[in-house]
All heavy atoms as atom14 arrays in JSON, in Angstrom:
{
  "sequence": "VAQAVNGGAAPWRPRWWLSTPTASWKLTVRSAT",
  "atom14_mask": [
    [1, 1, 1, 1, 1, 1, 1, 0, 0, 0, 0, 0, 0, 0],
    [1, 1, 1, 1, 1, 0, 0, 0, 0, 0, 0, 0, 0, 0],
    [1, 1, 1, 1, 1, 1, 1, 1, 1, 0, 0, 0, 0, 0],
    [1, 1, 1, 1, 1, 0, 0, 0, 0, 0, 0, 0, 0, 0],
    [1, 1, 1, 1, 1, 1, 1, 0, 0, 0, 0, 0, 0, 0],
    [1, 1, 1, 1, 1, 1, 1, 1, 0, 0, 0, 0, 0, 0],
    [1, 1, 1, 1, 0, 0, 0, 0, 0, 0, 0, 0, 0, 0],
    [1, 1, 1, 1, 0, 0, 0, 0, 0, 0, 0, 0, 0, 0],
    [1, 1, 1, 1, 1, 0, 0, 0, 0, 0, 0, 0, 0, 0],
    [1, 1, 1, 1, 1, 0, 0, 0, 0, 0, 0, 0, 0, 0],
    [1, 1, 1, 1, 1, 1, 1, 0, 0, 0, 0, 0, 0, 0],
    [1, 1, 1, 1, 1, 1, 1, 1, 1, 1, 1, 1, 1, 1],
    [1, 1, 1, 1, 1, 1, 1, 1, 1, 1, 1, 0, 0, 0],
    [1, 1, 1, 1, 1, 1, 1, 0, 0, 0, 0, 0, 0, 0],
    [1, 1, 1, 1, 1, 1, 1, 1, 1, 1, 1, 0, 0, 0],
    [1, 1, 1, 1, 1, 1, 1, 1, 1, 1, 1, 1, 1, 1],
    [1, 1, 1, 1, 1, 1, 1, 1, 1, 1, 1, 1, 1, 1],
    [1, 1, 1, 1, 1, 1, 1, 1, 0, 0, 0, 0, 0, 0],
    [1, 1, 1, 1, 1, 1, 0, 0, 0, 0, 0, 0, 0, 0],
    [1, 1, 1, 1, 1, 1, 1, 0, 0, 0, 0, 0, 0, 0],
    [1, 1, 1, 1, 1, 1, 1, 0, 0, 0, 0, 0, 0, 0],
    [1, 1, 1, 1, 1, 1, 1, 0, 0, 0, 0, 0, 0, 0],
    [1, 1, 1, 1, 1, 0, 0, 0, 0, 0, 0, 0, 0, 0],
    [1, 1, 1, 1, 1, 1, 0, 0, 0, 0, 0, 0, 0, 0],
    [1, 1, 1, 1, 1, 1, 1, 1, 1, 1, 1, 1, 1, 1],
    [1, 1, 1, 1, 1, 1, 1, 1, 1, 0, 0, 0, 0, 0],
    [1, 1, 1, 1, 1, 1, 1, 1, 0, 0, 0, 0, 0, 0],
    [1, 1, 1, 1, 1, 1, 1, 0, 0, 0, 0, 0, 0, 0],
    [1, 1, 1, 1, 1, 1, 1, 0, 0, 0, 0, 0, 0, 0],
    [1, 1, 1, 1, 1, 1, 1, 1, 1, 1, 1, 0, 0, 0],
    [1, 1, 1, 1, 1, 1, 0, 0, 0, 0, 0, 0, 0, 0],
    [1, 1, 1, 1, 1, 0, 0, 0, 0, 0, 0, 0, 0, 0],
    [1, 1, 1, 1, 1, 1, 1, 0, 0, 0, 0, 0, 0, 0]
  ],
  "atom14_positions": [
    [[0.83, -1.26, -0.01], [-0.03, 0.07, -0.02], [0.86, 1.22, -0.02], [0.35, 2.38, -0.14], [-0.96, 0.07, 1.17], [-1.88, -1.01, 1.08], [-0.16, -0.07, 2.55], [0.0, 0.0, 0.0], [0.0, 0.0, 0.0], [0.0, 0.0, 0.0], [0.0, 0.0, 0.0], [0.0, 0.0, 0.0], [0.0, 0.0, 0.0], [0.0, 0.0, 0.0]],
    [[2.11, 1.14, 0.1], [3.12, 2.22, 0.06], [4.38, 1.77, -0.55], [4.86, 0.61, -0.38], [3.39, 2.7, 1.57], [0.0, 0.0, 0.0], [0.0, 0.0, 0.0], [0.0, 0.0, 0.0], [0.0, 0.0, 0.0], [0.0, 0.0, 0.0], [0.0, 0.0, 0.0], [0.0, 0.0, 0.0], [0.0, 0.0, 0.0], [0.0, 0.0, 0.0]],
    [[4.98, 2.64, -1.25], [6.2, 2.31, -1.92], [7.1, 3.49, -2.16], [6.67, 4.54, -2.71], [5.91, 1.61, -3.41], [7.16, 1.35, -4.23], [7.94, 0.15, -3.69], [7.27, -0.86, -3.09], [9.19, 0.06, -3.83], [0.0, 0.0, 0.0], [0.0, 0.0, 0.0], [0.0, 0.0, 0.0], [0.0, 0.0, 0.0], [0.0, 0.0, 0.0]],
    [[8.32, 3.43, -1.69], [9.36, 4.43, -1.98], [10.18, 3.9, -3.2], [10.89, 3.08, -3.35], [10.4, 4.34, -0.85], [0.0, 0.0, 0.0], [0.0, 0.0, 0.0], [0.0, 0.0, 0.0], [0.0, 0.0, 0.0], [0.0, 0.0, 0.0], [0.0, 0.0, 0.0], [0.0, 0.0, 0.0], [0.0, 0.0, 0.0], [0.0, 0.0, 0.0]],
    [[9.75, 4.79, -4.31], [10.2, 4.41, -5.62], [11.54, 4.88, -6.02], [12.17, 4.44, -7.04], [9.2, 4.76, -6.71], [7.82, 4.07, -6.44], [9.08, 6.3, -6.66], [0.0, 0.0, 0.0], [0.0, 0.0, 0.0], [0.0, 0.0, 0.0], [0.0, 0.0, 0.0], [0.0, 0.0, 0.0], [0.0, 0.0, 0.0], [0.0, 0.0, 0.0]],
    [[12.11, 5.74, -5.29], [13.42, 6.28, -5.54], [13.62, 6.72, -7.0], [14.62, 6.26, -7.69], [14.53, 5.28, -5.1], [15.92, 5.8, -5.23], [16.14, 6.97, -5.03], [16.96, 4.87, -5.47], [0.0, 0.0, 0.0], [0.0, 0.0, 0.0], [0.0, 0.0, 0.0], [0.0, 0.0, 0.0], [0.0, 0.0, 0.0], [0.0, 0.0, 0.0]],
    [[12.71, 7.59, -7.45], [12.86, 8.07, -8.79], [12.55, 6.98, -9.86], [12.91, 7.14, -11.04], [0.0, 0.0, 0.0], [0.0, 0.0, 0.0], [0.0, 0.0, 0.0], [0.0, 0.0, 0.0], [0.0, 0.0, 0.0], [0.0, 0.0, 0.0], [0.0, 0.0, 0.0], [0.0, 0.0, 0.0], [0.0, 0.0, 0.0], [0.0, 0.0, 0.0]],
    [[11.97, 5.93, -9.54], [11.49, 4.76, -10.36], [12.46, 3.83, -10.36], [12.26, 2.75, -11.08], [0.0, 0.0, 0.0], [0.0, 0.0, 0.0], [0.0, 0.0, 0.0], [0.0, 0.0, 0.0], [0.0, 0.0, 0.0], [0.0, 0.0, 0.0], [0.0, 0.0, 0.0], [0.0, 0.0, 0.0], [0.0, 0.0, 0.0], [0.0, 0.0, 0.0]],
    [[13.54, 3.82, -9.61], [14.6, 2.69, -9.44], [14.11, 1.5, -8.61], [14.56, 0.4, -8.74], [15.81, 3.15, -8.96], [0.0, 0.0, 0.0], [0.0, 0.0, 0.0], [0.0, 0.0, 0.0], [0.0, 0.0, 0.0], [0.0, 0.0, 0.0], [0.0, 0.0, 0.0], [0.0, 0.0, 0.0], [0.0, 0.0, 0.0], [0.0, 0.0, 0.0]],
    [[13.11, 1.8, -7.77], [12.39, 0.68, -6.97], [11.05, 0.43, -7.25], [10.15, 1.11, -6.58], [12.7, 1.14, -5.5], [0.0, 0.0, 0.0], [0.0, 0.0, 0.0], [0.0, 0.0, 0.0], [0.0, 0.0, 0.0], [0.0, 0.0, 0.0], [0.0, 0.0, 0.0], [0.0, 0.0, 0.0], [0.0, 0.0, 0.0], [0.0, 0.0, 0.0]],
    [[10.68, -0.21, -8.28], [9.26, -0.31, -8.68], [8.37, -0.84, -7.8], [8.69, -1.69, -6.78], [9.29, -1.27, -9.88], [10.71, -1.31, -10.28], [11.51, -1.15, -9.11], [0.0, 0.0, 0.0], [0.0, 0.0, 0.0], [0.0, 0.0, 0.0], [0.0, 0.0, 0.0], [0.0, 0.0, 0.0], [0.0, 0.0, 0.0], [0.0, 0.0, 0.0]],
    [[7.11, -0.52, -7.81], [5.99, -1.05, -7.03], [5.61, -2.44, -7.7], [5.24, -2.47, -8.9], [4.82, -0.18, -7.06], [3.61, -0.7, -6.41], [3.46, -0.96, -5.03], [2.24, -0.78, -7.04], [2.08, -1.4, -4.78], [1.38, -1.21, -5.99], [1.72, -0.52, -8.21], [-0.01, -1.55, -6.26], [0.35, -0.9, -8.53], [-0.48, -1.31, -7.41]],
    [[5.63, -3.51, -6.93], [5.44, -4.89, -7.43], [4.27, -5.59, -6.83], [4.46, -6.41, -5.96], [6.72, -5.72, -7.34], [7.87, -5.17, -8.16], [9.15, -6.02, -7.95], [10.3, -5.47, -8.63], [10.55, -5.71, -9.99], [9.64, -6.41, -10.64], [11.53, -5.19, -10.58], [0.0, 0.0, 0.0], [0.0, 0.0, 0.0], [0.0, 0.0, 0.0]],
    [[3.12, -5.33, -7.29], [2.0, -6.11, -6.64], [1.73, -7.49, -7.27], [2.24, -7.81, -8.54], [0.72, -5.27, -7.05], [1.17, -4.57, -8.41], [2.74, -4.35, -8.22], [0.0, 0.0, 0.0], [0.0, 0.0, 0.0], [0.0, 0.0, 0.0], [0.0, 0.0, 0.0], [0.0, 0.0, 0.0], [0.0, 0.0, 0.0], [0.0, 0.0, 0.0]],
    [[1.12, -8.42, -6.58], [0.86, -9.74, -7.18], [-0.51, -10.23, -6.67], [-1.08, -9.85, -5.57], [1.81, -10.66, -6.55], [3.3, -10.55, -6.98], [4.27, -11.61, -6.52], [4.29, -11.6, -5.05], [4.95, -12.63, -4.36], [5.54, -13.66, -5.08], [4.99, -12.57, -3.03], [0.0, 0.0, 0.0], [0.0, 0.0, 0.0], [0.0, 0.0, 0.0]],
    [[-1.21, -10.95, -7.47], [-2.44, -11.48, -7.3], [-2.58, -12.96, -7.65], [-2.12, -13.31, -8.82], [-3.67, -10.79, -8.1], [-3.67, -9.25, -7.68], [-4.48, -8.71, -6.78], [-2.99, -8.22, -8.35], [-4.24, -7.36, -6.78], [-3.39, -7.01, -7.7], [-2.07, -8.14, -9.36], [-2.9, -5.79, -8.06], [-1.52, -6.9, -9.71], [-1.89, -5.77, -9.13]],
    [[-3.19, -13.73, -6.9], [-3.38, -15.22, -7.18], [-4.84, -15.46, -7.57], [-5.67, -15.02, -6.73], [-3.01, -16.08, -6.04], [-1.44, -16.25, -5.87], [-0.67, -17.17, -6.32], [-0.61, -15.33, -5.1], [0.59, -16.94, -5.93], [0.67, -15.88, -5.26], [-0.8, -14.13, -4.39], [1.76, -15.21, -4.6], [0.24, -13.62, -3.74], [1.52, -14.1, -3.92]],
    [[-5.16, -16.07, -8.63], [-6.48, -16.14, -9.14], [-7.02, -17.56, -9.18], [-6.12, -18.5, -9.18], [-6.53, -15.52, -10.61], [-5.85, -14.07, -10.87], [-6.04, -13.79, -12.43], [-6.72, -13.04, -10.01], [0.0, 0.0, 0.0], [0.0, 0.0, 0.0], [0.0, 0.0, 0.0], [0.0, 0.0, 0.0], [0.0, 0.0, 0.0], [0.0, 0.0, 0.0]],
    [[-8.36, -17.67, -9.23], [-8.82, -19.04, -9.11], [-8.9, -19.76, -10.38], [-9.07, -20.92, -10.34], [-10.36, -18.8, -8.63], [-11.09, -18.04, -9.62], [0.0, 0.0, 0.0], [0.0, 0.0, 0.0], [0.0, 0.0, 0.0], [0.0, 0.0, 0.0], [0.0, 0.0, 0.0], [0.0, 0.0, 0.0], [0.0, 0.0, 0.0], [0.0, 0.0, 0.0]],
    [[-8.58, -19.07, -11.48], [-8.53, -19.71, -12.85], [-7.49, -19.18, -13.58], [-7.02, -18.07, -13.42], [-9.84, -19.47, -13.63], [-10.0, -18.04, -13.76], [-11.05, -19.98, -12.86], [0.0, 0.0, 0.0], [0.0, 0.0, 0.0], [0.0, 0.0, 0.0], [0.0, 0.0, 0.0], [0.0, 0.0, 0.0], [0.0, 0.0, 0.0], [0.0, 0.0, 0.0]],
    [[-6.96, -19.92, -14.64], [-5.91, -19.42, -15.56], [-6.53, -18.06, -16.15], [-7.62, -17.97, -16.57], [-5.64, -20.62, -16.56], [-6.14, -21.73, -15.76], [-7.28, -21.39, -14.89], [0.0, 0.0, 0.0], [0.0, 0.0, 0.0], [0.0, 0.0, 0.0], [0.0, 0.0, 0.0], [0.0, 0.0, 0.0], [0.0, 0.0, 0.0], [0.0, 0.0, 0.0]],
    [[-5.56, -17.26, -16.54], [-5.85, -15.92, -17.12], [-5.52, -15.83, -18.58], [-4.27, -16.19, -18.88], [-5.23, -14.83, -16.27], [-5.63, -14.85, -14.99], [-5.49, -13.43, -16.92], [0.0, 0.0, 0.0], [0.0, 0.0, 0.0], [0.0, 0.0, 0.0], [0.0, 0.0, 0.0], [0.0, 0.0, 0.0], [0.0, 0.0, 0.0], [0.0, 0.0, 0.0]],
    [[-6.32, -15.32, -19.43], [-6.0, -15.13, -20.83], [-5.29, -13.86, -21.0], [-4.4, -13.77, -21.89], [-7.29, -15.12, -21.57], [0.0, 0.0, 0.0], [0.0, 0.0, 0.0], [0.0, 0.0, 0.0], [0.0, 0.0, 0.0], [0.0, 0.0, 0.0], [0.0, 0.0, 0.0], [0.0, 0.0, 0.0], [0.0, 0.0, 0.0], [0.0, 0.0, 0.0]],
    [[-5.66, -12.82, -20.29], [-4.98, -11.45, -20.41], [-5.44, -10.66, -19.19], [-6.47, -10.93, -18.44], [-5.44, -10.71, -21.61], [-6.74, -10.34, -21.61], [0.0, 0.0, 0.0], [0.0, 0.0, 0.0], [0.0, 0.0, 0.0], [0.0, 0.0, 0.0], [0.0, 0.0, 0.0], [0.0, 0.0, 0.0], [0.0, 0.0, 0.0], [0.0, 0.0, 0.0]],
    [[-4.64, -9.65, -18.81], [-4.97, -8.83, -17.62], [-4.46, -7.47, -17.91], [-3.57, -7.15, -18.78], [-4.21, -9.33, -16.5], [-2.73, -9.48, -16.56], [-1.95, -10.44, -16.81], [-1.76, -8.35, -16.16], [-0.66, -10.21, -16.73], [-0.5, -8.94, -16.46], [-1.91, -7.1, -15.75], [0.69, -8.13, -16.2], [-0.74, -6.37, -15.63], [0.59, -6.91, -15.81]],
    [[-5.1, -6.51, -17.21], [-4.81, -5.04, -17.39], [-4.9, -4.41, -16.02], [-5.77, -4.56, -15.22], [-5.84, -4.37, -18.29], [-5.59, -2.89, -18.57], [-6.58, -2.36, -19.66], [-7.92, -2.22, -19.11], [-8.75, -1.47, -20.01], [0.0, 0.0, 0.0], [0.0, 0.0, 0.0], [0.0, 0.0, 0.0], [0.0, 0.0, 0.0], [0.0, 0.0, 0.0]],
    [[-3.86, -3.65, -15.67], [-3.78, -2.96, -14.43], [-3.84, -1.26, -14.83], [-2.76, -0.89, -15.47], [-2.56, -3.23, -13.72], [-2.25, -2.45, -12.44], [-3.29, -2.88, -11.45], [-0.83, -2.88, -11.87], [0.0, 0.0, 0.0], [0.0, 0.0, 0.0], [0.0, 0.0, 0.0], [0.0, 0.0, 0.0], [0.0, 0.0, 0.0], [0.0, 0.0, 0.0]],
    [[-4.8, -0.65, -14.32], [-4.88, 0.83, -14.62], [-4.58, 1.58, -13.3], [-5.35, 1.29, -12.18], [-6.22, 1.15, -15.1], [-6.54, 0.43, -16.28], [-6.4, 2.68, -15.46], [0.0, 0.0, 0.0], [0.0, 0.0, 0.0], [0.0, 0.0, 0.0], [0.0, 0.0, 0.0], [0.0, 0.0, 0.0], [0.0, 0.0, 0.0], [0.0, 0.0, 0.0]],
    [[-3.72, 2.46, -13.41], [-3.37, 3.32, -12.17], [-3.88, 4.8, -12.42], [-3.59, 5.27, -13.52], [-1.87, 3.32, -11.89], [-1.47, 4.15, -10.67], [-1.26, 1.91, -11.7], [0.0, 0.0, 0.0], [0.0, 0.0, 0.0], [0.0, 0.0, 0.0], [0.0, 0.0, 0.0], [0.0, 0.0, 0.0], [0.0, 0.0, 0.0], [0.0, 0.0, 0.0]],
    [[-4.49, 5.29, -11.39], [-4.99, 6.67, -11.57], [-4.65, 7.6, -10.4], [-4.41, 7.17, -9.33], [-6.56, 6.66, -11.59], [-7.16, 5.91, -12.74], [-8.66, 5.86, -12.72], [-9.22, 5.14, -13.89], [-9.49, 5.61, -15.03], [-9.3, 6.97, -15.24], [-9.87, 4.92, -16.1], [0.0, 0.0, 0.0], [0.0, 0.0, 0.0], [0.0, 0.0, 0.0]],
    [[-4.62, 8.76, -10.74], [-4.28, 9.74, -9.65], [-5.54, 9.79, -8.59], [-6.68, 9.75, -9.07], [-4.26, 11.24, -10.13], [-4.33, 12.13, -9.11], [0.0, 0.0, 0.0], [0.0, 0.0, 0.0], [0.0, 0.0, 0.0], [0.0, 0.0, 0.0], [0.0, 0.0, 0.0], [0.0, 0.0, 0.0], [0.0, 0.0, 0.0], [0.0, 0.0, 0.0]],
    [[-5.19, 9.52, -7.32], [-6.33, 9.51, -6.37], [-7.07, 10.75, -6.24], [-8.19, 10.8, -5.73], [-5.64, 9.08, -5.0], [0.0, 0.0, 0.0], [0.0, 0.0, 0.0], [0.0, 0.0, 0.0], [0.0, 0.0, 0.0], [0.0, 0.0, 0.0], [0.0, 0.0, 0.0], [0.0, 0.0, 0.0], [0.0, 0.0, 0.0], [0.0, 0.0, 0.0]],
    [[-6.44, 11.83, -6.51], [-7.13, 13.17, -6.4], [-7.91, 13.6, -7.6], [-9.14, 13.94, -7.59], [-6.09, 14.25, -6.08], [-4.98, 14.17, -6.97], [-5.46, 14.1, -4.66], [0.0, 0.0, 0.0], [0.0, 0.0, 0.0], [0.0, 0.0, 0.0], [0.0, 0.0, 0.0], [0.0, 0.0, 0.0], [0.0, 0.0, 0.0], [0.0, 0.0, 0.0]]
  ]
}
């Protein structure tokens, strides 16, 4: 829920385990404000 990215050198790395195999996925990031 928090990440010190150091100018992009330390990426945010989320992971999700799903109930079925996945054909494709999309992650959209938006400004919270």
